[in-house]
C-alpha atoms as a PDB file:
ATOM      1  CA  MET A   1     107.079  12.215 134.220  1.00  0.00           C
ATOM      2  CA  PRO A   2     104.567  14.728 135.597  1.00  0.00           C
ATOM      3  CA  SER A   3     105.105  16.245 139.009  1.00  0.00           C
ATOM      4  CA  GLU A   4     103.371  14.939 142.095  1.00  0.00           C
ATOM      5  CA  ILE A   5     103.603  18.341 143.755  1.00  0.00           C
ATOM      6  CA  ALA A   6     100.112  19.759 143.838  1.00  0.00           C
ATOM      7  CA  VAL A   7      99.562  23.494 143.894  1.00  0.00           C
ATOM      8  CA  GLU A   8      96.297  25.156 143.008  1.00  0.00           C
ATOM      9  CA  LYS A   9      96.665  26.945 139.661  1.00  0.00           C
ATOM     10  CA  LYS A  10      95.431  30.345 140.749  1.00  0.00           C
ATOM     11  CA  LYS A  11      96.625  33.907 141.178  1.00  0.00           C
ATOM     12  CA  LEU A  12      97.587  34.919 144.684  1.00  0.00           C
ATOM     13  CA  LYS A  13      97.406  38.567 145.768  1.00  0.00           C
ATOM     14  CA  ASN A  14     100.760  38.125 147.495  1.00  0.00           C
ATOM     15  CA  PRO A  15     102.851  35.438 145.781  1.00  0.00           C
ATOM     16  CA  PRO A  16     105.397  33.888 148.169  1.00  0.00           C
ATOM     17  CA  LEU A  17     108.483  34.852 146.125  1.00  0.00           C
ATOM     18  CA  GLU A  18     109.614  38.127 144.587  1.00  0.00           C
ATOM     19  CA  LEU A  19     110.523  38.303 140.903  1.00  0.00           C
ATOM     20  CA  HIS A  20     113.748  39.976 139.814  1.00  0.00           C
ATOM     21  CA  TYR A  21     113.833  42.030 136.629  1.00  0.00           C
ATOM     22  CA  LEU A  22     116.212  42.682 133.740  1.00  0.00           C
ATOM     23  CA  GLY A  23     119.071  44.829 135.003  1.00  0.00           C
ATOM     24  CA  ASP A  24     119.209  43.015 138.361  1.00  0.00           C
ATOM     25  CA  ARG A  25     122.636  41.366 138.784  1.00  0.00           C
ATOM     26  CA  VAL A  26     121.012  38.320 140.375  1.00  0.00           C
ATOM     27  CA  LEU A  27     119.747  37.253 136.906  1.00  0.00           C
ATOM     28  CA  ARG A  28     123.314  37.097 135.574  1.00  0.00           C
ATOM     29  CA  GLN A  29     124.817  34.747 138.150  1.00  0.00           C
ATOM     30  CA  PRO A  30     125.083  31.062 137.216  1.00  0.00           C
ATOM     31  CA  ALA A  31     122.977  28.748 139.376  1.00  0.00           C
ATOM     32  CA  LYS A  32     124.540  26.018 141.517  1.00  0.00           C
ATOM     33  CA  ARG A  33     123.749  22.317 141.212  1.00  0.00           C
ATOM     34  CA  ILE A  34     121.350  20.992 143.826  1.00  0.00           C
ATOM     35  CA  THR A  35     122.936  18.321 146.016  1.00  0.00           C
ATOM     36  CA  LYS A  36     120.009  17.494 148.306  1.00  0.00           C
ATOM     37  CA  VAL A  37     116.411  16.903 147.245  1.00  0.00           C
ATOM     38  CA  ASP A  38     114.321  17.187 150.416  1.00  0.00           C
ATOM     39  CA  ASP A  39     111.125  18.673 151.874  1.00  0.00           C
ATOM     40  CA  GLU A  40     112.718  22.127 152.014  1.00  0.00           C
ATOM     41  CA  LEU A  41     113.386  21.990 148.262  1.00  0.00           C
ATOM     42  CA  ARG A  42     109.853  20.699 147.587  1.00  0.00           C
ATOM     43  CA  GLN A  43     108.483  23.665 149.559  1.00  0.00           C
ATOM     44  CA  LEU A  44     110.555  26.011 147.357  1.00  0.00           C
ATOM     45  CA  ILE A  45     109.075  24.243 144.305  1.00  0.00           C
ATOM     46  CA  ARG A  46     105.538  24.896 145.630  1.00  0.00           C
ATOM     47  CA  GLU A  47     106.371  28.580 146.214  1.00  0.00           C
ATOM     48  CA  MET A  48     107.900  28.906 142.741  1.00  0.00           C
ATOM     49  CA  LEU A  49     104.769  27.373 141.180  1.00  0.00           C
ATOM     50  CA  GLN A  50     102.508  29.735 143.162  1.00  0.00           C
ATOM     51  CA  THR A  51     104.646  32.697 142.080  1.00  0.00           C
ATOM     52  CA  MET A  52     104.609  31.567 138.436  1.00  0.00           C
ATOM     53  CA  TYR A  53     100.819  31.079 138.361  1.00  0.00           C
ATOM     54  CA  SER A  54     100.279  34.405 140.144  1.00  0.00           C
ATOM     55  CA  ASN A  55     102.208  36.187 137.385  1.00  0.00           C
ATOM     56  CA  ASP A  56     100.597  34.344 134.433  1.00  0.00           C
ATOM     57  CA  GLY A  57     103.816  32.513 133.620  1.00  0.00           C
ATOM     58  CA  ILE A  58     104.396  29.125 132.012  1.00  0.00           C
ATOM     59  CA  GLY A  59     107.954  28.725 133.304  1.00  0.00           C
ATOM     60  CA  LEU A  60     110.096  30.012 136.142  1.00  0.00           C
ATOM     61  CA  ALA A  61     113.741  29.407 137.012  1.00  0.00           C
ATOM     62  CA  ALA A  62     115.025  29.798 140.580  1.00  0.00           C
ATOM     63  CA  PRO A  63     117.436  32.659 139.670  1.00  0.00           C
ATOM     64  CA  GLN A  64     114.387  34.763 138.680  1.00  0.00           C
ATOM     65  CA  VAL A  65     113.319  34.726 142.333  1.00  0.00           C
ATOM     66  CA  GLY A  66     116.860  35.356 143.584  1.00  0.00           C
ATOM     67  CA  ILE A  67     117.722  31.725 144.367  1.00  0.00           C
ATOM     68  CA  HIS A  68     120.922  30.383 142.814  1.00  0.00           C
ATOM     69  CA  LYS A  69     119.886  26.785 142.387  1.00  0.00           C
ATOM     70  CA  GLN A  70     119.444  24.720 139.224  1.00  0.00           C
ATOM     71  CA  LEU A  71     115.691  24.445 139.613  1.00  0.00           C
ATOM     72  CA  ILE A  72     112.960  25.089 137.036  1.00  0.00           C
ATOM     73  CA  VAL A  73     109.179  24.793 137.160  1.00  0.00           C
ATOM     74  CA  ILE A  74     107.175  24.655 133.908  1.00  0.00           C
ATOM     75  CA  ASP A  75     103.490  24.411 133.093  1.00  0.00           C
ATOM     76  CA  ILE A  76     102.614  25.121 129.478  1.00  0.00           C
ATOM     77  CA  GLU A  77      98.930  24.475 130.275  1.00  0.00           C
ATOM     78  CA  PRO A  78      98.327  26.704 133.314  1.00  0.00           C
ATOM     79  CA  ASP A  79      94.559  26.764 132.624  1.00  0.00           C
ATOM     80  CA  ASN A  80      94.308  22.967 132.659  1.00  0.00           C
ATOM     81  CA  ALA A  81      93.991  21.812 136.287  1.00  0.00           C
ATOM     82  CA  ALA A  82      94.438  18.178 135.213  1.00  0.00           C
ATOM     83  CA  ASN A  83      97.852  18.843 133.641  1.00  0.00           C
ATOM     84  CA  PRO A  84     100.580  18.652 136.320  1.00  0.00           C
ATOM     85  CA  PRO A  85     103.613  20.935 136.147  1.00  0.00           C
ATOM     86  CA  LEU A  86     107.064  19.768 135.133  1.00  0.00           C
ATOM     87  CA  ILE A  87     109.809  20.080 137.773  1.00  0.00           C
ATOM     88  CA  LEU A  88     113.412  20.078 136.550  1.00  0.00           C
ATOM     89  CA  ILE A  89     116.286  19.768 139.033  1.00  0.00           C
ATOM     90  CA  ASN A  90     119.851  20.064 137.652  1.00  0.00           C
ATOM     91  CA  PRO A  91     118.674  19.792 134.018  1.00  0.00           C
ATOM     92  CA  THR A  92     121.257  19.162 131.294  1.00  0.00           C
ATOM     93  CA  ILE A  93     120.747  19.150 127.555  1.00  0.00           C
ATOM     94  CA  LYS A  94     121.676  15.790 126.040  1.00  0.00           C
ATOM     95  CA  GLN A  95     120.749  16.583 122.455  1.00  0.00           C
ATOM     96  CA  VAL A  96     119.144  19.274 120.300  1.00  0.00           C
ATOM     97  CA  SER A  97     117.708  18.995 116.795  1.00  0.00           C
ATOM     98  CA  LYS A  98     119.379  20.530 113.759  1.00  0.00           C
ATOM     99  CA  GLU A  99     115.995  22.059 112.883  1.00  0.00           C
ATOM    100  CA  ILE A 100     115.758  25.610 114.163  1.00  0.00           C
ATOM    101  CA  CYS A 101     112.517  27.484 114.637  1.00  0.00           C
ATOM    102  CA  VAL A 102     111.791  31.114 115.355  1.00  0.00           C
ATOM    103  CA  ALA A 103     109.008  32.025 117.750  1.00  0.00           C
ATOM    104  CA  GLN A 104     108.059  34.856 120.032  1.00  0.00           C
ATOM    105  CA  GLU A 105     109.155  34.675 123.652  1.00  0.00           C
ATOM    106  CA  GLY A 106     108.395  36.694 126.740  1.00  0.00           C
ATOM    107  CA  CYS A 107     109.709  36.497 130.291  1.00  0.00           C
ATOM    108  CA  LEU A 108     108.369  37.179 133.773  1.00  0.00           C
ATOM    109  CA  SER A 109     111.625  39.075 134.428  1.00  0.00           C
ATOM    110  CA  ILE A 110     110.990  41.380 131.440  1.00  0.00           C
ATOM    111  CA  PRO A 111     107.231  42.068 131.527  1.00  0.00           C
ATOM    112  CA  ASN A 112     105.440  43.144 128.315  1.00  0.00           C
ATOM    113  CA  VAL A 113     108.454  42.549 126.059  1.00  0.00           C
ATOM    114  CA  TYR A 114     107.910  39.882 123.383  1.00  0.00           C
ATOM    115  CA  MET A 115     110.521  39.197 120.719  1.00  0.00           C
ATOM    116  CA  ASP A 116     111.413  36.511 118.165  1.00  0.00           C
ATOM    117  CA  VAL A 117     114.111  34.060 119.253  1.00  0.00           C
ATOM    118  CA  LYS A 118     115.769  31.237 117.268  1.00  0.00           C
ATOM    119  CA  ARG A 119     116.064  27.924 119.094  1.00  0.00           C
ATOM    120  CA  PRO A 120     116.373  24.229 118.241  1.00  0.00           C
ATOM    121  CA  GLU A 121     112.936  22.753 117.576  1.00  0.00           C
ATOM    122  CA  VAL A 122     113.501  19.590 119.642  1.00  0.00           C
ATOM    123  CA  VAL A 123     115.512  19.149 122.828  1.00  0.00           C
ATOM    124  CA  GLU A 124     116.358  16.073 124.882  1.00  0.00           C
ATOM    125  CA  ILE A 125     117.242  16.644 128.528  1.00  0.00           C
ATOM    126  CA  ALA A 126     118.299  14.703 131.606  1.00  0.00           C
ATOM    127  CA  TYR A 127     117.180  15.953 135.021  1.00  0.00           C
ATOM    128  CA  LYS A 128     116.035  14.910 138.467  1.00  0.00           C
ATOM    129  CA  ASP A 129     112.403  15.108 139.562  1.00  0.00           C
ATOM    130  CA  GLU A 130     111.144  16.483 142.893  1.00  0.00           C
ATOM    131  CA  TYR A 131     112.124  13.215 144.619  1.00  0.00           C
ATOM    132  CA  GLY A 132     115.635  13.151 143.187  1.00  0.00           C
ATOM    133  CA  ARG A 133     114.845  10.399 140.670  1.00  0.00           C
ATOM    134  CA  PRO A 134     116.813  10.638 137.408  1.00  0.00           C
ATOM    135  CA  ARG A 135     114.632  11.293 134.359  1.00  0.00           C
ATOM    136  CA  THR A 136     115.002  12.049 130.668  1.00  0.00           C
ATOM    137  CA  LEU A 137     112.600  13.927 128.444  1.00  0.00           C
ATOM    138  CA  LYS A 138     112.401  14.653 124.750  1.00  0.00           C
ATOM    139  CA  ALA A 139     110.365  17.788 124.032  1.00  0.00           C
ATOM    140  CA  ASN A 140     109.321  19.792 120.997  1.00  0.00           C
ATOM    141  CA  ASP A 141     107.285  22.896 120.190  1.00  0.00           C
ATOM    142  CA  LEU A 142     106.376  25.176 123.102  1.00  0.00           C
ATOM    143  CA  LEU A 143     107.692  22.796 125.775  1.00  0.00           C
ATOM    144  CA  ALA A 144     111.122  22.559 124.094  1.00  0.00           C
ATOM    145  CA  ARG A 145     111.268  26.362 123.796  1.00  0.00           C
ATOM    146  CA  CYS A 146     110.203  26.851 127.400  1.00  0.00           C
ATOM    147  CA  ILE A 147     112.801  24.353 128.692  1.00  0.00           C
ATOM    148  CA  GLN A 148     115.595  26.074 126.732  1.00  0.00           C
ATOM    149  CA  HIS A 149     114.431  29.538 127.836  1.00  0.00           C
ATOM    150  CA  GLU A 150     114.389  28.535 131.515  1.00  0.00           C
ATOM    151  CA  MET A 151     117.695  26.629 131.273  1.00  0.00           C
ATOM    152  CA  ASP A 152     119.274  29.837 129.928  1.00  0.00           C
ATOM    153  CA  HIS A 153     118.322  31.501 133.236  1.00  0.00           C
ATOM    154  CA  LEU A 154     120.401  28.881 135.074  1.00  0.00           C
ATOM    155  CA  ASN A 155     123.432  30.143 133.120  1.00  0.00           C
ATOM    156  CA  GLY A 156     122.731  33.842 133.623  1.00  0.00           C
ATOM    157  CA  VAL A 157     121.280  34.268 130.118  1.00  0.00           C
ATOM    158  CA  VAL A 158     117.990  36.083 129.474  1.00  0.00           C
ATOM    159  CA  PHE A 159     115.990  35.613 126.246  1.00  0.00           C
ATOM    160  CA  VAL A 160     116.701  39.171 125.047  1.00  0.00           C
ATOM    161  CA  ASP A 161     120.400  38.173 124.875  1.00  0.00           C
ATOM    162  CA  ARG A 162     119.387  35.897 121.962  1.00  0.00           C
ATOM    163  CA  VAL A 163     117.379  38.472 119.978  1.00  0.00           C
ATOM    164  CA  ASP A 164     118.952  39.271 116.591  1.00  0.00           C
ATOM    165  CA  ASN A 165     117.176  42.563 115.871  1.00  0.00           C
ATOM    166  CA  SER A 166     118.960  44.896 118.288  1.00  0.00           C
ATOM    167  CA  LEU A 167     117.202  48.048 117.047  1.00  0.00           C
ATOM    168  CA  THR A 168     113.679  46.689 117.630  1.00  0.00           C
ATOM    169  CA  LEU A 169     114.844  45.142 120.903  1.00  0.00           C
ATOM    170  CA  ALA A 170     116.235  48.459 122.163  1.00  0.00           C
ATOM    171  CA  GLN A 171     112.939  50.187 121.284  1.00  0.00           C
ATOM    172  CA  GLU A 172     110.818  47.506 122.997  1.00  0.00           C
ATOM    173  CA  LEU A 173     112.953  47.540 126.141  1.00  0.00           C
ATOM    174  CA  SER A 174     112.949  51.335 126.337  1.00  0.00           C
ATOM    175  CA  LYS A 175     109.169  51.475 125.819  1.00  0.00           C
ATOM    176  CA  ASN A 176     108.770  49.156 128.826  1.00  0.00           C
ATOM    177  CA  GLY A 177     111.248  50.882 131.136  1.00  0.00           C
ATOM    178  CA  PHE A 178     114.257  48.598 130.639  1.00  0.00           C
ATOM    179  CA  SER A 179     117.753  49.546 129.531  1.00  0.00           C
ATOM    180  CA  TYR A 180     119.333  48.031 126.445  1.00  0.00           C
ATOM    181  CA  GLN A 181     122.595  48.211 128.441  1.00  0.00           C
ATOM    182  CA  ALA A 182     121.297  45.244 130.477  1.00  0.00           C
ATOM    183  CA  VAL A 183     121.386  43.010 127.356  1.00  0.00           C
ATOM    184  CA  LYS A 184     124.437  40.727 126.998  1.00  0.00           C
ATOM    185  CA  PRO A 185     124.237  39.245 123.464  1.00  0.00           C
ATOM    186  CA  VAL A 186     125.258  35.599 123.156  1.00  0.00           C
ATOM    187  CA  ALA A 187     127.159  34.488 120.102  1.00  0.00           C
END
């Protein structure tokens, strides 16, 4: 179900929220479930969308802007004004496919670093929309990858934690001013 929250898809000189980067402890703290869906939360959603568009992103999780709430905004077609963003409140994975695919990922919290990550090809999730209505969604391809990437942020996991090639990863991070020490590999 597409979002009814309208935000102009444009870059702002001064986005409303500040991004946090790899190495910042705030990215490693698990997010808390949202208990109240109200106008204040919808305003946060608008600000997250504006921040995401301003930084050329296709997904943003609340922990990336220092807010420990289970909230994600996604728009895999940021150049298509007619395509509304997807708002996920308290998302949970119901099912993932056995088929795994490898694709390159990047992250607003780790600018200019792009690495291959293995993830299930299809994911089915349950979540609440911006009005607190329960929803389910089955996604594949880029949307499935984006949902899984952003849901990792809600658990304090960053995509580089899932990269298998630690040597290339260390080189890429170093080249872009990040420390490999900030990586916490997941099994």
